[in-house]
Every structure is written in structure tokens, then in C-alpha cells.
Amino acid sequence: MAKVFAQISMSLDGYVAGPNDGPEHPLGENGESLHEWVTALSSWRRQHGLEGGSVNAESDMLDDYIAGVGATILGRRMFDLGEPHWGENPPFHTPVFVVTHRPQPPLTRQGGTTFHFVTDGITSALEQAGAAAGGQNISVAGGASVINQCIAAGLLDELHLHIVPVLLGGGARLFEGLAPKLDGIEKTRQLDAPGLTHLTFSFTPGATRP
């Protein structure tokens, strides 16, 4: 059965991007430290049109995520900061639905990526992504705000967290505004790797309590 999932790296103090993000630091100050593990993997490099890289349990895990994706959802800030760096052949290779307040025509790139700009909220973006995915999974690629919106609306089936042992001290925080609690969450997988831990959580549909 197709599912809606997010997978994202997070610091020990709960941030998925560092402070002061902008064109020079799309992931915020020191935010790149969250992703050093993944940029070395063969699966990540292949997705970005690069050769080489490590083949191990982590690359197999990432291959599993990539293989089943039929559509992707992004927040507007992630698009604005990332698009200049993705070039003419972005790494998504699926229809991408950007949640935004600013309408614009679809933007078609090489490799099967077309960016569609959705101005009527996360539920509409997921409905459109589901129609485009053709029965495959939907990846909520980030940033934190869009993932939080999916959790708050009870629309996320799985969350894959890659816990990196760094402290960023500020930036974009996952689970922001979702207190006092979230119900219906179960840890279903843990993979310990050199320098970090990968955790998978499953959500009972509609069970989130922002």
C-alpha cells in the first residue's frame, strides 16, 4: 500500500537546519554537518548524477526510500534555497509539489522533475501528489515546517529520523508547535551506524494531537 513518509536528518538538540539560512548557507550555519553521512553513500550520489560512494546498510536503506517514490512535496523555503543548487537535473526525478503562498506556473526540469506550486495548503498538495504518484509512495522532503504540517494534520504514515551527534543551537526545529503531545506513534525500526542512529516511526492514521 502506498504511504506518505518523510526522512530527514536531525541534530541532538532537535534541529533539521542550522540558524541564519540563506543563499550562502541553504541549510543554515553548520547545517551541512547533518548530511555528511548521506553525501558519501552510493545511493545519494547516483540520485544526484554522481559516481562512486559507499555501499552498506545505509545506502540500502536510502535505496529503499528512493525506489518507491512517485511524487515529492516541498516547502517553499526549501525550494527557494535549494533550486539554484539543483541545476537543470534536480535529484527528485518525480513530480514535485511545492507548498507556497505565491502562485506560479509549473517549472519543468530534466530527469522527470516538474515543480508544481500549490497555494491551497498541505492537504491539497498531498491530494495532487497522490494523483500524480500513480500508486507509489509520496515523499515529504522538507523542510521542517511542511513535515510538521503533515504530522499536525494526521497525514504522515512514517517518519525516518537520522540522528546526528551535533548541536546546532538554533535553526529550524522539527516538531515545533506540536506540543503538548503526539499520540499513536510507534518506533518500528532502528539502525545503528558509525556516528549516527537511524530511527523509523509509524503513525496511527489521524492519531496526531497538536
Protein backbone atom coordinates (compact mmCIF):
# COMPACT_ATOMS: atom_id res chain seq x y z
CA MET A 1 0.00 0.00 0.00
CA ALA A 2 1.30 3.47 -0.87
CA LYS A 3 2.35 5.63 2.06
CA VAL A 4 3.28 9.21 2.88
CA PHE A 5 6.66 9.40 4.54
CA ALA A 6 9.33 11.90 5.50
CA GLN A 7 13.00 11.23 6.09
CA ILE A 8 15.28 13.89 7.48
CA SER A 9 18.50 14.35 9.46
CA MET A 10 18.23 15.95 12.89
CA SER A 11 20.74 17.23 15.42
CA LEU A 12 20.76 16.11 19.05
CA ASP A 13 19.09 19.38 20.02
CA GLY A 14 16.24 18.84 17.57
CA TYR A 15 17.16 20.99 14.56
CA VAL A 16 17.00 19.91 10.92
CA ALA A 17 18.73 23.06 9.65
CA GLY A 18 21.08 25.50 11.31
CA PRO A 19 20.47 29.17 12.13
CA ASN A 20 20.62 32.01 9.60
CA ASP A 21 19.80 30.02 6.49
CA GLY A 22 20.05 31.89 3.21
CA PRO A 23 21.57 31.73 -0.27
CA GLU A 24 25.11 31.27 1.08
CA HIS A 25 24.01 28.70 3.68
CA PRO A 26 20.90 26.91 2.36
CA LEU A 27 20.96 24.56 5.35
CA GLY A 28 21.88 27.28 7.83
CA GLU A 29 25.16 27.70 9.67
CA ASN A 30 26.78 24.30 10.20
CA GLY A 31 23.71 22.63 8.72
CA GLU A 32 25.85 20.70 6.25
CA SER A 33 27.15 18.67 9.20
CA LEU A 34 23.77 16.93 9.33
CA HIS A 35 24.24 15.49 5.85
CA GLU A 36 27.87 14.42 5.68
CA TRP A 37 26.81 10.81 6.27
CA VAL A 38 24.44 10.70 3.31
CA THR A 39 26.55 12.51 0.71
CA ALA A 40 29.11 9.70 0.96
CA LEU A 41 26.59 6.99 0.02
CA SER A 42 26.41 5.47 -3.46
CA SER A 43 22.61 5.75 -3.49
CA TRP A 44 22.68 9.50 -2.77
CA ARG A 45 25.43 10.11 -5.32
CA ARG A 46 23.60 8.17 -8.02
CA GLN A 47 20.42 10.19 -7.38
CA HIS A 48 22.48 13.35 -7.93
CA GLY A 49 24.14 12.10 -11.11
CA LEU A 50 27.45 11.29 -9.43
CA GLU A 51 29.55 8.13 -9.40
CA GLY A 52 31.14 6.17 -6.59
CA GLY A 53 30.25 6.23 -2.92
CA SER A 54 29.87 3.74 -0.11
CA VAL A 55 27.65 0.66 -0.38
CA ASN A 56 26.43 -0.52 3.02
CA ALA A 57 23.29 -0.91 5.14
CA GLU A 58 22.70 2.85 4.99
CA SER A 59 22.88 3.00 1.20
CA ASP A 60 20.49 0.05 1.02
CA MET A 61 18.12 1.92 3.35
CA LEU A 62 18.26 5.02 1.15
CA ASP A 63 17.71 2.93 -1.97
CA ASP A 64 14.52 1.60 -0.37
CA TYR A 65 13.24 5.15 0.16
CA ILE A 66 14.08 6.28 -3.37
CA ALA A 67 12.76 3.23 -5.22
CA GLY A 68 9.14 3.56 -4.19
CA VAL A 69 8.64 7.32 -4.59
CA GLY A 70 6.18 8.55 -7.21
CA ALA A 71 5.80 12.18 -6.09
CA THR A 72 7.51 14.62 -3.73
CA ILE A 73 6.34 17.51 -1.54
CA LEU A 74 8.50 20.51 -0.58
CA GLY A 75 8.05 23.71 1.35
CA ARG A 76 8.57 27.00 -0.45
CA ARG A 77 11.68 27.95 1.51
CA MET A 78 13.35 24.64 0.72
CA PHE A 79 12.57 25.20 -2.94
CA ASP A 80 13.83 28.80 -2.95
CA LEU A 81 17.11 27.92 -1.23
CA GLY A 82 17.69 24.62 -3.00
CA GLU A 83 16.64 25.28 -6.58
CA PRO A 84 19.72 27.37 -7.54
CA HIS A 85 21.93 24.45 -6.46
CA TRP A 86 19.92 21.60 -8.04
CA GLY A 87 20.60 22.73 -11.59
CA GLU A 88 18.81 21.50 -14.70
CA ASN A 89 18.54 17.91 -13.47
CA PRO A 90 17.30 18.05 -9.85
CA PRO A 91 17.62 14.94 -7.67
CA PHE A 92 13.87 14.25 -7.32
CA HIS A 93 13.02 12.67 -10.71
CA THR A 94 9.30 12.85 -9.85
CA PRO A 95 6.56 15.47 -9.94
CA VAL A 96 7.25 17.85 -7.03
CA PHE A 97 4.51 19.82 -5.27
CA VAL A 98 5.72 23.00 -3.56
CA VAL A 99 3.50 24.31 -0.76
CA THR A 100 3.50 28.08 -1.11
CA HIS A 101 1.51 31.32 -0.87
CA ARG A 102 2.96 32.55 -4.19
CA PRO A 103 1.39 31.08 -7.32
CA GLN A 104 3.47 30.49 -10.44
CA PRO A 105 3.33 28.23 -13.50
CA PRO A 106 4.84 24.74 -13.31
CA LEU A 107 8.60 24.58 -13.77
CA THR A 108 9.85 21.61 -15.81
CA ARG A 109 13.40 20.32 -15.45
CA GLN A 110 15.31 17.35 -16.80
CA GLY A 111 15.10 13.83 -15.44
CA GLY A 112 11.36 13.74 -14.80
CA THR A 113 11.18 16.61 -12.30
CA THR A 114 8.40 19.16 -12.69
CA PHE A 115 7.73 21.61 -9.86
CA HIS A 116 4.04 22.41 -9.27
CA PHE A 117 3.18 25.28 -6.92
CA VAL A 118 0.24 24.61 -4.60
CA THR A 119 -1.35 27.62 -2.90
CA ASP A 120 -4.24 25.98 -1.03
CA GLY A 121 -2.43 24.07 1.68
CA ILE A 122 -0.79 20.79 2.62
CA THR A 123 -3.92 18.65 2.21
CA SER A 124 -4.36 19.83 -1.37
CA ALA A 125 -0.66 19.24 -2.07
CA LEU A 126 -0.96 15.67 -0.80
CA GLU A 127 -4.10 15.04 -2.86
CA GLN A 128 -2.36 16.30 -6.01
CA ALA A 129 0.79 14.33 -5.20
CA GLY A 130 -1.28 11.20 -4.66
CA ALA A 131 -2.90 11.59 -8.06
CA ALA A 132 0.49 12.08 -9.70
CA ALA A 133 2.23 9.24 -7.83
CA GLY A 134 0.28 6.51 -9.61
CA GLY A 135 0.03 4.28 -6.55
CA GLN A 136 3.61 4.84 -5.43
CA ASN A 137 4.75 6.49 -2.21
CA ILE A 138 4.80 10.22 -1.53
CA SER A 139 7.99 11.68 -0.05
CA VAL A 140 7.65 14.79 2.12
CA ALA A 141 11.20 16.03 1.62
CA GLY A 142 11.04 19.06 3.89
CA GLY A 143 11.71 21.42 5.35
CA ALA A 144 10.63 21.20 8.95
CA SER A 145 7.52 23.34 8.52
CA VAL A 146 5.95 21.12 5.86
CA ILE A 147 6.74 17.93 7.79
CA ASN A 148 5.25 19.49 10.93
CA GLN A 149 2.12 20.45 8.97
CA CYS A 150 1.72 16.85 7.78
CA ILE A 151 2.11 15.49 11.30
CA ALA A 152 -0.31 18.04 12.76
CA ALA A 153 -2.93 17.15 10.12
CA GLY A 154 -2.53 13.40 10.71
CA LEU A 155 -1.35 12.88 7.13
CA LEU A 156 2.05 11.27 7.71
CA ASP A 157 2.37 7.47 7.79
CA GLU A 158 6.08 7.15 8.56
CA LEU A 159 8.89 9.36 9.78
CA HIS A 160 12.52 8.33 9.28
CA LEU A 161 14.86 10.30 11.54
CA HIS A 162 18.62 10.25 11.13
CA ILE A 163 20.00 11.42 14.48
CA VAL A 164 23.40 13.06 14.03
CA PRO A 165 25.53 13.78 17.14
CA VAL A 166 25.97 17.50 16.58
CA LEU A 167 24.49 20.53 18.36
CA LEU A 168 23.32 23.41 16.15
CA GLY A 169 21.95 25.67 18.88
CA GLY A 170 19.22 27.15 16.67
CA GLY A 171 17.55 26.97 13.30
CA ALA A 172 14.56 25.01 12.02
CA ARG A 173 13.23 22.64 14.65
CA LEU A 174 11.25 19.51 13.92
CA PHE A 175 8.06 19.08 15.99
CA GLU A 176 7.84 22.85 16.55
CA GLY A 177 4.33 23.73 17.72
CA LEU A 178 3.21 20.11 18.09
CA ALA A 179 3.17 20.13 21.90
CA PRO A 180 1.80 19.07 24.28
CA LYS A 181 1.94 15.57 22.82
CA LEU A 182 1.62 13.33 19.82
CA ASP A 183 -0.33 10.11 20.20
CA GLY A 184 -0.30 7.00 18.06
CA ILE A 185 3.44 6.90 17.34
CA GLU A 186 5.41 3.66 17.38
CA LYS A 187 9.12 3.10 16.79
CA THR A 188 9.30 0.32 14.20
CA ARG A 189 12.98 0.24 13.23
CA GLN A 190 16.40 1.23 14.50
CA LEU A 191 19.65 1.05 12.55
CA ASP A 192 22.84 1.95 14.39
CA ALA A 193 25.63 3.13 12.10
CA PRO A 194 29.06 4.66 12.70
CA GLY A 195 28.46 8.14 14.08
CA LEU A 196 24.66 8.22 14.00
CA THR A 197 21.40 6.35 14.54
CA HIS A 198 18.50 5.88 12.11
CA LEU A 199 15.03 5.59 13.60
CA THR A 200 11.71 4.83 11.90
CA PHE A 201 8.40 5.81 13.48
CA SER A 202 4.95 4.82 12.26
CA PHE A 203 1.85 6.91 12.89
CA THR A 204 -1.65 5.63 13.52
CA PRO A 205 -3.72 7.45 10.85
CA GLY A 206 -5.33 10.55 12.25
CA ALA A 207 -3.85 10.00 15.73
CA THR A 208 -1.67 13.10 16.00
CA ARG A 209 -2.71 15.62 18.64
CA PRO A 210 -1.10 19.05 18.04
